[in-house]
């Protein structure tokens, strides 16, 4: 009996504590609401005074003032509810892992790549071809993170190379040069080779080429089209080999699979090495040519590691880390 009486007393004490806390919370809520009401009244008076001075009394203006006051009132009410703890909080959203948000084909392909394993270049290329989930002839891409600062002029890497087996793309080459140079460019395989007629096409906004090659003396004429060609990456540049006196050679290289790569703001180089249909041997040959070219671009001012990490992937496939042998 004594135990039951003790339990009953404890229950009554707990009930009293709960009732006291509930009363305190209600009191805080009432205080918060009174503060909100006072602030609304003050805001209303300020608004009235402000718009009275402005002398605007149109119907549309009065409706705008009323809508703004209602918005401010709702904002203050929400702040009061949050301060008093009166507003119920929803459940924490559940975020699924990134792999689960991918497609089924990608998930199946990703299972073939061992987590934490670093592959050799040859093995990585073979695995990338195997894990390609796309139905089309996807490209093999290399993504290399460098230890450079692109803001420094000597570390802003930008160059070109001719891939031994090409990049699998059909490139339309345009040449803007004197008439005699245009004839030689046409013979070398240029799709467009014109003089003044080319400028007329640019003025109309007609851009049906992938690479534009020009001679140095003709570059000033392209100046007014820099805002159009520049963002598309089509403006001729000496570093890219598209401003040259040997136009015939530049056309042949562009048609043979000459590619340009440069470091981006995040210090990463992205490049396409060819199509999956090339096969592992040709892709490996292209990859080796790219990494040889990249090593030759190492700035003398770099003290630490030049290449920090290397990944390859197909267009829609999982990324594969390869061993870093390129410093």
C-alpha atoms as a PDB file:
ATOM      1  CA  UNK A   1       0.000   0.000   0.000  1.00  0.00           C
ATOM      2  CA  UNK A   2       2.820   2.339   0.890  1.00  0.00           C
ATOM      3  CA  UNK A   3       4.408   1.761  -2.541  1.00  0.00           C
ATOM      4  CA  UNK A   4       1.166   2.643  -4.321  1.00  0.00           C
ATOM      5  CA  UNK A   5       0.816   5.842  -2.331  1.00  0.00           C
ATOM      6  CA  UNK A   6       4.422   6.848  -3.216  1.00  0.00           C
ATOM      7  CA  UNK A   7       3.780   6.186  -6.915  1.00  0.00           C
ATOM      8  CA  UNK A   8       0.554   8.209  -6.791  1.00  0.00           C
ATOM      9  CA  UNK A   9       2.400  11.122  -5.129  1.00  0.00           C
ATOM     10  CA  UNK A  10       5.140  11.019  -7.779  1.00  0.00           C
ATOM     11  CA  UNK A  11       2.536  11.028 -10.569  1.00  0.00           C
ATOM     12  CA  UNK A  12       0.842  14.057  -9.023  1.00  0.00           C
ATOM     13  CA  UNK A  13       4.195  15.833  -8.711  1.00  0.00           C
ATOM     14  CA  UNK A  14       5.026  15.122 -12.392  1.00  0.00           C
ATOM     15  CA  UNK A  15       1.587  16.380 -13.447  1.00  0.00           C
ATOM     16  CA  UNK A  16       2.099  19.562 -11.445  1.00  0.00           C
ATOM     17  CA  UNK A  17       5.535  20.120 -13.069  1.00  0.00           C
ATOM     18  CA  UNK A  18       4.112  19.556 -16.550  1.00  0.00           C
ATOM     19  CA  UNK A  19       1.195  21.932 -15.862  1.00  0.00           C
ATOM     20  CA  UNK A  20       3.618  24.572 -14.603  1.00  0.00           C
ATOM     21  CA  UNK A  21       5.835  24.242 -17.699  1.00  0.00           C
ATOM     22  CA  UNK A  22       2.830  24.393 -20.035  1.00  0.00           C
ATOM     23  CA  UNK A  23       1.681  27.557 -18.255  1.00  0.00           C
ATOM     24  CA  UNK A  24       5.162  29.081 -18.712  1.00  0.00           C
ATOM     25  CA  UNK A  25       5.186  28.232 -22.446  1.00  0.00           C
ATOM     26  CA  UNK A  26       1.697  29.723 -22.888  1.00  0.00           C
ATOM     27  CA  UNK A  27       2.808  32.861 -21.085  1.00  0.00           C
ATOM     28  CA  UNK A  28       5.846  33.165 -23.408  1.00  0.00           C
ATOM     29  CA  UNK A  29       3.641  32.681 -26.477  1.00  0.00           C
ATOM     30  CA  UNK A  30       1.229  35.390 -25.266  1.00  0.00           C
ATOM     31  CA  UNK A  31       4.158  37.746 -24.629  1.00  0.00           C
ATOM     32  CA  UNK A  32       5.568  37.029 -28.085  1.00  0.00           C
ATOM     33  CA  UNK A  33       2.185  37.668 -29.683  1.00  0.00           C
ATOM     34  CA  UNK A  34       1.828  40.945 -27.789  1.00  0.00           C
ATOM     35  CA  UNK A  35       5.283  41.975 -29.045  1.00  0.00           C
ATOM     36  CA  UNK A  36       4.249  41.070 -32.582  1.00  0.00           C
ATOM     37  CA  UNK A  37       1.052  43.102 -32.264  1.00  0.00           C
ATOM     38  CA  UNK A  38       3.024  46.100 -31.010  1.00  0.00           C
ATOM     39  CA  UNK A  39       5.519  45.794 -33.870  1.00  0.00           C
ATOM     40  CA  UNK A  40       2.696  45.491 -36.408  1.00  0.00           C
ATOM     41  CA  UNK A  41       1.066  48.610 -34.990  1.00  0.00           C
ATOM     42  CA  UNK A  42       4.373  50.495 -35.112  1.00  0.00           C
ATOM     43  CA  UNK A  43       5.021  49.322 -38.670  1.00  0.00           C
ATOM     44  CA  UNK A  44       1.508  50.362 -39.665  1.00  0.00           C
ATOM     45  CA  UNK A  45       1.934  53.837 -38.207  1.00  0.00           C
ATOM     46  CA  UNK A  46       5.341  54.222 -39.884  1.00  0.00           C
ATOM     47  CA  UNK A  47       3.917  53.116 -43.203  1.00  0.00           C
ATOM     48  CA  UNK A  48       0.948  55.483 -42.898  1.00  0.00           C
ATOM     49  CA  UNK A  49       3.234  58.393 -42.077  1.00  0.00           C
ATOM     50  CA  UNK A  50       5.611  57.505 -44.883  1.00  0.00           C
ATOM     51  CA  UNK A  51       2.953  57.226 -47.564  1.00  0.00           C
ATOM     52  CA  UNK A  52       1.065  60.279 -46.251  1.00  0.00           C
ATOM     53  CA  UNK A  53       4.200  62.331 -46.822  1.00  0.00           C
ATOM     54  CA  UNK A  54       4.593  60.830 -50.280  1.00  0.00           C
ATOM     55  CA  UNK A  55       1.116  62.077 -51.141  1.00  0.00           C
ATOM     56  CA  UNK A  56       0.173  58.900 -53.076  1.00  0.00           C
ATOM     57  CA  UNK A  57      -3.488  58.006 -52.672  1.00  0.00           C
ATOM     58  CA  UNK A  58      -4.306  55.927 -55.755  1.00  0.00           C
ATOM     59  CA  UNK A  59      -6.238  52.684 -55.294  1.00  0.00           C
ATOM     60  CA  UNK A  60      -3.380  50.615 -56.665  1.00  0.00           C
ATOM     61  CA  UNK A  61      -0.917  52.256 -54.272  1.00  0.00           C
ATOM     62  CA  UNK A  62      -3.174  51.659 -51.247  1.00  0.00           C
ATOM     63  CA  UNK A  63      -3.462  47.965 -52.192  1.00  0.00           C
ATOM     64  CA  UNK A  64       0.325  47.676 -52.501  1.00  0.00           C
ATOM     65  CA  UNK A  65       0.761  49.230 -49.045  1.00  0.00           C
ATOM     66  CA  UNK A  66      -1.812  46.866 -47.550  1.00  0.00           C
ATOM     67  CA  UNK A  67      -0.157  43.798 -49.135  1.00  0.00           C
ATOM     68  CA  UNK A  68       3.271  44.875 -47.840  1.00  0.00           C
ATOM     69  CA  UNK A  69       1.908  45.359 -44.296  1.00  0.00           C
ATOM     70  CA  UNK A  70       0.269  41.911 -44.366  1.00  0.00           C
ATOM     71  CA  UNK A  71       3.525  40.368 -45.518  1.00  0.00           C
ATOM     72  CA  UNK A  72       5.452  42.039 -42.705  1.00  0.00           C
ATOM     73  CA  UNK A  73       2.814  40.849 -40.201  1.00  0.00           C
ATOM     74  CA  UNK A  74       3.126  37.226 -41.372  1.00  0.00           C
ATOM     75  CA  UNK A  75       6.903  37.481 -41.144  1.00  0.00           C
ATOM     76  CA  UNK A  76       6.738  38.736 -37.550  1.00  0.00           C
ATOM     77  CA  UNK A  77       4.223  36.030 -36.581  1.00  0.00           C
ATOM     78  CA  UNK A  78       6.480  33.309 -37.937  1.00  0.00           C
ATOM     79  CA  UNK A  79       9.427  34.757 -36.035  1.00  0.00           C
ATOM     80  CA  UNK A  80       7.356  34.798 -32.815  1.00  0.00           C
ATOM     81  CA  UNK A  81       6.242  31.180 -33.278  1.00  0.00           C
ATOM     82  CA  UNK A  82       9.820  30.038 -33.856  1.00  0.00           C
ATOM     83  CA  UNK A  83      11.031  31.973 -30.802  1.00  0.00           C
ATOM     84  CA  UNK A  84       8.323  30.451 -28.579  1.00  0.00           C
ATOM     85  CA  UNK A  85       8.838  26.943 -29.942  1.00  0.00           C
ATOM     86  CA  UNK A  86       5.154  26.804 -30.870  1.00  0.00           C
ATOM     87  CA  UNK A  87       5.707  25.914 -34.538  1.00  0.00           C
ATOM     88  CA  UNK A  88       5.945  22.152 -35.158  1.00  0.00           C
ATOM     89  CA  UNK A  89       9.053  21.024 -36.995  1.00  0.00           C
ATOM     90  CA  UNK A  90       8.804  18.550 -39.853  1.00  0.00           C
ATOM     91  CA  UNK A  91      10.748  15.348 -40.134  1.00  0.00           C
ATOM     92  CA  UNK A  92      14.350  15.592 -41.281  1.00  0.00           C
ATOM     93  CA  UNK A  93      14.515  14.900 -45.039  1.00  0.00           C
ATOM     94  CA  UNK A  94      16.154  11.610 -45.975  1.00  0.00           C
ATOM     95  CA  UNK A  95      18.820  12.018 -48.653  1.00  0.00           C
ATOM     96  CA  UNK A  96      19.624   8.878 -50.603  1.00  0.00           C
ATOM     97  CA  UNK A  97      23.252   8.101 -51.510  1.00  0.00           C
ATOM     98  CA  UNK A  98      24.298   9.445 -54.906  1.00  0.00           C
ATOM     99  CA  UNK A  99      24.717   5.964 -56.400  1.00  0.00           C
ATOM    100  CA  UNK A 100      21.078   5.147 -55.599  1.00  0.00           C
ATOM    101  CA  UNK A 101      19.956   8.226 -57.513  1.00  0.00           C
ATOM    102  CA  UNK A 102      21.670   6.954 -60.656  1.00  0.00           C
ATOM    103  CA  UNK A 103      20.112   4.799 -63.377  1.00  0.00           C
ATOM    104  CA  UNK A 104      20.066   0.986 -63.219  1.00  0.00           C
ATOM    105  CA  UNK A 105      22.629   0.599 -66.001  1.00  0.00           C
ATOM    106  CA  UNK A 106      25.023   2.984 -64.272  1.00  0.00           C
ATOM    107  CA  UNK A 107      24.637   1.145 -60.966  1.00  0.00           C
ATOM    108  CA  UNK A 108      25.403  -2.186 -62.636  1.00  0.00           C
ATOM    109  CA  UNK A 109      28.479  -0.716 -64.352  1.00  0.00           C
ATOM    110  CA  UNK A 110      29.716   0.915 -61.124  1.00  0.00           C
ATOM    111  CA  UNK A 111      29.762  -2.484 -59.387  1.00  0.00           C
ATOM    112  CA  UNK A 112      32.608  -3.540 -61.709  1.00  0.00           C
ATOM    113  CA  UNK A 113      34.844  -0.718 -60.407  1.00  0.00           C
ATOM    114  CA  UNK A 114      36.510  -1.612 -57.101  1.00  0.00           C
ATOM    115  CA  UNK A 115      36.284   1.166 -54.526  1.00  0.00           C
ATOM    116  CA  UNK A 116      39.648   2.542 -53.447  1.00  0.00           C
ATOM    117  CA  UNK A 117      41.565   0.638 -56.115  1.00  0.00           C
ATOM    118  CA  UNK A 118      44.016   2.513 -58.369  1.00  0.00           C
ATOM    119  CA  UNK A 119      44.289   0.980 -61.846  1.00  0.00           C
ATOM    120  CA  UNK A 120      47.041   1.050 -64.439  1.00  0.00           C
ATOM    121  CA  UNK A 121      46.250   3.118 -67.535  1.00  0.00           C
ATOM    122  CA  UNK A 122      45.808   0.041 -69.733  1.00  0.00           C
ATOM    123  CA  UNK A 123      43.536  -1.756 -67.236  1.00  0.00           C
ATOM    124  CA  UNK A 124      41.531   1.428 -66.650  1.00  0.00           C
ATOM    125  CA  UNK A 125      40.860   1.908 -70.365  1.00  0.00           C
ATOM    126  CA  UNK A 126      39.750  -1.704 -70.767  1.00  0.00           C
ATOM    127  CA  UNK A 127      37.477  -1.374 -67.732  1.00  0.00           C
ATOM    128  CA  UNK A 128      36.070   1.945 -68.969  1.00  0.00           C
ATOM    129  CA  UNK A 129      35.068   0.314 -72.271  1.00  0.00           C
ATOM    130  CA  UNK A 130      33.476  -2.543 -70.349  1.00  0.00           C
ATOM    131  CA  UNK A 131      31.528  -0.223 -68.017  1.00  0.00           C
ATOM    132  CA  UNK A 132      30.170   2.041 -70.755  1.00  0.00           C
ATOM    133  CA  UNK A 133      26.367   2.091 -70.152  1.00  0.00           C
ATOM    134  CA  UNK A 134      25.497   4.256 -73.179  1.00  0.00           C
ATOM    135  CA  UNK A 135      23.887   2.818 -76.300  1.00  0.00           C
ATOM    136  CA  UNK A 136      25.723   5.306 -78.558  1.00  0.00           C
ATOM    137  CA  UNK A 137      29.444   5.400 -79.377  1.00  0.00           C
ATOM    138  CA  UNK A 138      30.575   7.215 -76.225  1.00  0.00           C
ATOM    139  CA  UNK A 139      33.806   9.169 -75.875  1.00  0.00           C
ATOM    140  CA  UNK A 140      36.588   8.237 -73.476  1.00  0.00           C
ATOM    141  CA  UNK A 141      37.511  11.239 -71.321  1.00  0.00           C
ATOM    142  CA  UNK A 142      40.481  12.015 -69.094  1.00  0.00           C
ATOM    143  CA  UNK A 143      40.191  14.416 -66.145  1.00  0.00           C
ATOM    144  CA  UNK A 144      43.473  15.458 -64.538  1.00  0.00           C
ATOM    145  CA  UNK A 145      43.734  17.614 -61.405  1.00  0.00           C
ATOM    146  CA  UNK A 146      46.929  19.655 -61.427  1.00  0.00           C
ATOM    147  CA  UNK A 147      48.846  21.407 -58.664  1.00  0.00           C
ATOM    148  CA  UNK A 148      48.936  24.724 -60.519  1.00  0.00           C
ATOM    149  CA  UNK A 149      47.428  28.156 -59.972  1.00  0.00           C
ATOM    150  CA  UNK A 150      45.622  29.173 -63.208  1.00  0.00           C
ATOM    151  CA  UNK A 151      45.726  32.821 -62.089  1.00  0.00           C
ATOM    152  CA  UNK A 152      49.501  32.829 -62.621  1.00  0.00           C
ATOM    153  CA  UNK A 153      50.430  33.499 -66.248  1.00  0.00           C
ATOM    154  CA  UNK A 154      53.162  30.850 -66.359  1.00  0.00           C
ATOM    155  CA  UNK A 155      50.856  28.209 -64.828  1.00  0.00           C
ATOM    156  CA  UNK A 156      47.817  28.848 -67.040  1.00  0.00           C
ATOM    157  CA  UNK A 157      48.393  25.757 -69.175  1.00  0.00           C
ATOM    158  CA  UNK A 158      46.986  25.798 -72.691  1.00  0.00           C
ATOM    159  CA  UNK A 159      48.285  23.859 -75.686  1.00  0.00           C
ATOM    160  CA  UNK A 160      47.349  21.538 -78.532  1.00  0.00           C
ATOM    161  CA  UNK A 161      48.342  18.090 -79.723  1.00  0.00           C
ATOM    162  CA  UNK A 162      47.498  15.774 -82.586  1.00  0.00           C
ATOM    163  CA  UNK A 163      46.133  12.477 -81.288  1.00  0.00           C
ATOM    164  CA  UNK A 164      47.714   9.568 -83.195  1.00  0.00           C
ATOM    165  CA  UNK A 165      44.334   7.993 -83.960  1.00  0.00           C
ATOM    166  CA  UNK A 166      42.242  11.164 -83.995  1.00  0.00           C
ATOM    167  CA  UNK A 167      39.393  11.935 -81.610  1.00  0.00           C
ATOM    168  CA  UNK A 168      36.565  10.382 -83.610  1.00  0.00           C
ATOM    169  CA  UNK A 169      34.894  13.687 -84.428  1.00  0.00           C
ATOM    170  CA  UNK A 170      34.142  15.099 -87.867  1.00  0.00           C
ATOM    171  CA  UNK A 171      35.635  18.592 -87.790  1.00  0.00           C
ATOM    172  CA  UNK A 172      34.496  21.393 -90.086  1.00  0.00           C
ATOM    173  CA  UNK A 173      37.444  23.724 -90.708  1.00  0.00           C
ATOM    174  CA  UNK A 174      37.068  27.335 -91.868  1.00  0.00           C
ATOM    175  CA  UNK A 175      39.927  29.487 -93.144  1.00  0.00           C
ATOM    176  CA  UNK A 176      39.913  33.288 -93.271  1.00  0.00           C
ATOM    177  CA  UNK A 177      42.890  34.392 -95.336  1.00  0.00           C
ATOM    178  CA  UNK A 178      43.929  35.956 -98.658  1.00  0.00           C
ATOM    179  CA  UNK A 179      42.629  34.354-101.868  1.00  0.00           C
ATOM    180  CA  UNK A 180      45.873  32.515-102.754  1.00  0.00           C
ATOM    181  CA  UNK A 181      46.106  31.012 -99.239  1.00  0.00           C
ATOM    182  CA  UNK A 182      42.439  29.982 -99.429  1.00  0.00           C
ATOM    183  CA  UNK A 183      43.115  27.916-102.566  1.00  0.00           C
ATOM    184  CA  UNK A 184      45.877  25.976-100.801  1.00  0.00           C
ATOM    185  CA  UNK A 185      43.623  25.527 -97.751  1.00  0.00           C
ATOM    186  CA  UNK A 186      40.817  24.107 -99.924  1.00  0.00           C
ATOM    187  CA  UNK A 187      43.277  21.641-101.434  1.00  0.00           C
ATOM    188  CA  UNK A 188      44.381  20.627 -97.901  1.00  0.00           C
ATOM    189  CA  UNK A 189      40.784  19.784 -96.960  1.00  0.00           C
ATOM    190  CA  UNK A 190      39.276  22.989 -95.539  1.00  0.00           C
ATOM    191  CA  UNK A 191      35.467  23.062 -95.655  1.00  0.00           C
ATOM    192  CA  UNK A 192      35.271  26.873 -95.876  1.00  0.00           C
ATOM    193  CA  UNK A 193      38.043  29.072 -97.267  1.00  0.00           C
ATOM    194  CA  UNK A 194      36.999  32.621 -98.107  1.00  0.00           C
ATOM    195  CA  UNK A 195      38.092  36.240 -97.840  1.00  0.00           C
ATOM    196  CA  UNK A 196      35.571  39.103 -97.594  1.00  0.00           C
ATOM    197  CA  UNK A 197      32.593  36.783 -98.178  1.00  0.00           C
ATOM    198  CA  UNK A 198      33.415  35.058 -94.872  1.00  0.00           C
ATOM    199  CA  UNK A 199      32.945  38.330 -92.961  1.00  0.00           C
ATOM    200  CA  UNK A 200      29.519  38.804 -94.548  1.00  0.00           C
ATOM    201  CA  UNK A 201      28.480  35.379 -93.277  1.00  0.00           C
ATOM    202  CA  UNK A 202      29.668  36.251 -89.752  1.00  0.00           C
ATOM    203  CA  UNK A 203      27.700  39.508 -89.855  1.00  0.00           C
ATOM    204  CA  UNK A 204      24.561  37.473 -90.607  1.00  0.00           C
ATOM    205  CA  UNK A 205      25.350  35.252 -87.603  1.00  0.00           C
ATOM    206  CA  UNK A 206      26.113  32.171 -89.727  1.00  0.00           C
ATOM    207  CA  UNK A 207      28.612  29.925 -87.904  1.00  0.00           C
ATOM    208  CA  UNK A 208      28.814  26.461 -89.467  1.00  0.00           C
ATOM    209  CA  UNK A 209      32.373  25.448 -88.562  1.00  0.00           C
ATOM    210  CA  UNK A 210      34.197  23.882 -85.596  1.00  0.00           C
ATOM    211  CA  UNK A 211      37.673  25.368 -86.094  1.00  0.00           C
ATOM    212  CA  UNK A 212      38.610  28.767 -87.521  1.00  0.00           C
ATOM    213  CA  UNK A 213      42.119  29.333 -88.874  1.00  0.00           C
ATOM    214  CA  UNK A 214      43.457  32.739 -89.902  1.00  0.00           C
ATOM    215  CA  UNK A 215      46.694  34.465 -90.865  1.00  0.00           C
ATOM    216  CA  UNK A 216      48.176  37.142 -88.545  1.00  0.00           C
ATOM    217  CA  UNK A 217      47.478  40.033 -90.952  1.00  0.00           C
ATOM    218  CA  UNK A 218      43.784  39.102 -91.156  1.00  0.00           C
ATOM    219  CA  UNK A 219      43.229  38.925 -87.395  1.00  0.00           C
ATOM    220  CA  UNK A 220      42.353  42.670 -86.968  1.00  0.00           C
ATOM    221  CA  UNK A 221      39.377  42.134 -89.299  1.00  0.00           C
ATOM    222  CA  UNK A 222      37.997  39.495 -86.897  1.00  0.00           C
ATOM    223  CA  UNK A 223      38.243  41.853 -83.910  1.00  0.00           C
ATOM    224  CA  UNK A 224      34.622  43.024 -84.046  1.00  0.00           C
ATOM    225  CA  UNK A 225      33.416  39.395 -83.975  1.00  0.00           C
ATOM    226  CA  UNK A 226      35.393  38.495 -80.832  1.00  0.00           C
ATOM    227  CA  UNK A 227      32.278  38.689 -78.618  1.00  0.00           C
ATOM    228  CA  UNK A 228      30.557  36.129 -80.844  1.00  0.00           C
ATOM    229  CA  UNK A 229      33.459  33.771 -81.536  1.00  0.00           C
ATOM    230  CA  UNK A 230      35.230  34.042 -78.163  1.00  0.00           C
ATOM    231  CA  UNK A 231      32.545  32.452 -75.903  1.00  0.00           C
ATOM    232  CA  UNK A 232      32.168  29.598 -78.414  1.00  0.00           C
ATOM    233  CA  UNK A 233      35.922  28.926 -78.350  1.00  0.00           C
ATOM    234  CA  UNK A 234      36.221  29.676 -82.064  1.00  0.00           C
ATOM    235  CA  UNK A 235      38.393  32.805 -81.993  1.00  0.00           C
ATOM    236  CA  UNK A 236      41.775  32.025 -83.607  1.00  0.00           C
ATOM    237  CA  UNK A 237      44.653  31.996 -81.139  1.00  0.00           C
ATOM    238  CA  UNK A 238      48.429  31.582 -81.635  1.00  0.00           C
ATOM    239  CA  UNK A 239      48.627  29.228 -78.609  1.00  0.00           C
ATOM    240  CA  UNK A 240      46.038  26.975 -80.221  1.00  0.00           C
ATOM    241  CA  UNK A 241      47.912  27.062 -83.535  1.00  0.00           C
ATOM    242  CA  UNK A 242      44.971  28.643 -85.351  1.00  0.00           C
ATOM    243  CA  UNK A 243      46.800  31.919 -86.100  1.00  0.00           C
ATOM    244  CA  UNK A 244      49.601  30.892 -88.424  1.00  0.00           C
ATOM    245  CA  UNK A 245      51.262  31.580 -91.752  1.00  0.00           C
ATOM    246  CA  UNK A 246      51.341  27.843 -92.551  1.00  0.00           C
ATOM    247  CA  UNK A 247      47.581  27.531 -93.015  1.00  0.00           C
ATOM    248  CA  UNK A 248      47.839  24.350 -95.082  1.00  0.00           C
ATOM    249  CA  UNK A 249      49.592  22.494 -92.248  1.00  0.00           C
ATOM    250  CA  UNK A 250      47.089  23.797 -89.673  1.00  0.00           C
ATOM    251  CA  UNK A 251      44.164  22.532 -91.775  1.00  0.00           C
ATOM    252  CA  UNK A 252      45.675  19.060 -92.133  1.00  0.00           C
ATOM    253  CA  UNK A 253      46.335  18.843 -88.370  1.00  0.00           C
ATOM    254  CA  UNK A 254      42.790  19.970 -87.516  1.00  0.00           C
ATOM    255  CA  UNK A 255      41.339  17.361 -89.876  1.00  0.00           C
ATOM    256  CA  UNK A 256      43.678  14.680 -88.494  1.00  0.00           C
ATOM    257  CA  UNK A 257      42.343  15.077 -84.938  1.00  0.00           C
ATOM    258  CA  UNK A 258      44.215  18.006 -83.429  1.00  0.00           C
ATOM    259  CA  UNK A 259      42.744  18.860 -80.032  1.00  0.00           C
ATOM    260  CA  UNK A 260      43.245  21.746 -77.643  1.00  0.00           C
ATOM    261  CA  UNK A 261      43.261  21.380 -73.866  1.00  0.00           C
ATOM    262  CA  UNK A 262      43.602  23.960 -71.128  1.00  0.00           C
ATOM    263  CA  UNK A 263      43.404  24.108 -67.344  1.00  0.00           C
ATOM    264  CA  UNK A 264      40.129  25.458 -65.922  1.00  0.00           C
ATOM    265  CA  UNK A 265      39.539  27.647 -62.852  1.00  0.00           C
ATOM    266  CA  UNK A 266      39.549  24.566 -60.591  1.00  0.00           C
ATOM    267  CA  UNK A 267      43.015  23.539 -61.910  1.00  0.00           C
ATOM    268  CA  UNK A 268      41.580  20.584 -63.837  1.00  0.00           C
ATOM    269  CA  UNK A 269      42.285  19.555 -67.432  1.00  0.00           C
ATOM    270  CA  UNK A 270      39.488  17.791 -69.341  1.00  0.00           C
ATOM    271  CA  UNK A 271      40.086  16.094 -72.702  1.00  0.00           C
ATOM    272  CA  UNK A 272      38.417  13.544 -74.975  1.00  0.00           C
ATOM    273  CA  UNK A 273      40.772  10.746 -76.026  1.00  0.00           C
ATOM    274  CA  UNK A 274      38.626   9.135 -78.714  1.00  0.00           C
ATOM    275  CA  UNK A 275      35.564   6.929 -79.096  1.00  0.00           C
ATOM    276  CA  UNK A 276      34.895   3.609 -77.385  1.00  0.00           C
ATOM    277  CA  UNK A 277      34.674   1.992 -80.831  1.00  0.00           C
ATOM    278  CA  UNK A 278      38.401   2.692 -81.356  1.00  0.00           C
ATOM    279  CA  UNK A 279      39.289  -0.231 -79.107  1.00  0.00           C
ATOM    280  CA  UNK A 280      41.660  -0.389 -76.132  1.00  0.00           C
ATOM    281  CA  UNK A 281      44.925  -0.299 -78.132  1.00  0.00           C
ATOM    282  CA  UNK A 282      44.165   2.892 -80.087  1.00  0.00           C
ATOM    283  CA  UNK A 283      42.760   4.621 -77.014  1.00  0.00           C
ATOM    284  CA  UNK A 284      45.875   3.689 -75.030  1.00  0.00           C
ATOM    285  CA  UNK A 285      48.052   5.169 -77.771  1.00  0.00           C
ATOM    286  CA  UNK A 286      46.051   8.412 -77.683  1.00  0.00           C
ATOM    287  CA  UNK A 287      46.185   8.531 -73.868  1.00  0.00           C
ATOM    288  CA  UNK A 288      49.970   8.091 -73.816  1.00  0.00           C
ATOM    289  CA  UNK A 289      50.340  10.902 -76.369  1.00  0.00           C
ATOM    290  CA  UNK A 290      48.232  13.193 -74.182  1.00  0.00           C
ATOM    291  CA  UNK A 291      50.138  12.444 -70.964  1.00  0.00           C
ATOM    292  CA  UNK A 292      53.492  12.923 -72.740  1.00  0.00           C
ATOM    293  CA  UNK A 293      52.242  16.316 -73.924  1.00  0.00           C
ATOM    294  CA  UNK A 294      50.974  17.226 -70.445  1.00  0.00           C
ATOM    295  CA  UNK A 295      54.284  16.360 -68.764  1.00  0.00           C
ATOM    296  CA  UNK A 296      56.074  18.636 -71.225  1.00  0.00           C
ATOM    297  CA  UNK A 297      53.864  21.538 -70.046  1.00  0.00           C
ATOM    298  CA  UNK A 298      55.049  21.397 -66.415  1.00  0.00           C
ATOM    299  CA  UNK A 299      55.927  24.986 -65.349  1.00  0.00           C
ATOM    300  CA  UNK A 300      59.387  25.585 -63.892  1.00  0.00           C
ATOM    301  CA  UNK A 301      57.817  27.452 -60.934  1.00  0.00           C
ATOM    302  CA  UNK A 302      55.980  24.339 -59.658  1.00  0.00           C
ATOM    303  CA  UNK A 303      57.743  23.039 -56.536  1.00  0.00           C
ATOM    304  CA  UNK A 304      55.306  20.313 -55.414  1.00  0.00           C
ATOM    305  CA  UNK A 305      53.407  17.714 -57.397  1.00  0.00           C
ATOM    306  CA  UNK A 306      52.398  18.759 -60.896  1.00  0.00           C
ATOM    307  CA  UNK A 307      49.752  16.048 -61.347  1.00  0.00           C
ATOM    308  CA  UNK A 308      47.683  15.356 -58.237  1.00  0.00           C
ATOM    309  CA  UNK A 309      45.104  12.847 -59.489  1.00  0.00           C
ATOM    310  CA  UNK A 310      43.966  11.273 -62.753  1.00  0.00           C
ATOM    311  CA  UNK A 311      40.569   9.790 -63.597  1.00  0.00           C
ATOM    312  CA  UNK A 312      39.162   8.419 -66.833  1.00  0.00           C
ATOM    313  CA  UNK A 313      35.568   7.717 -67.731  1.00  0.00           C
ATOM    314  CA  UNK A 314      33.244   7.264 -70.663  1.00  0.00           C
ATOM    315  CA  UNK A 315      30.617   9.898 -71.440  1.00  0.00           C
ATOM    316  CA  UNK A 316      27.978   8.427 -69.089  1.00  0.00           C
ATOM    317  CA  UNK A 317      30.021   5.814 -67.235  1.00  0.00           C
ATOM    318  CA  UNK A 318      31.571   5.652 -63.743  1.00  0.00           C
ATOM    319  CA  UNK A 319      34.956   7.278 -63.138  1.00  0.00           C
ATOM    320  CA  UNK A 320      38.065   5.147 -62.684  1.00  0.00           C
ATOM    321  CA  UNK A 321      41.169   6.359 -60.861  1.00  0.00           C
ATOM    322  CA  UNK A 322      44.504   5.526 -62.447  1.00  0.00           C
ATOM    323  CA  UNK A 323      47.937   5.454 -60.878  1.00  0.00           C
ATOM    324  CA  UNK A 324      49.777   8.759 -60.931  1.00  0.00           C
ATOM    325  CA  UNK A 325      53.017   8.309 -62.872  1.00  0.00           C
ATOM    326  CA  UNK A 326      52.959  11.681 -64.581  1.00  0.00           C
ATOM    327  CA  UNK A 327      54.951  14.029 -62.339  1.00  0.00           C
END
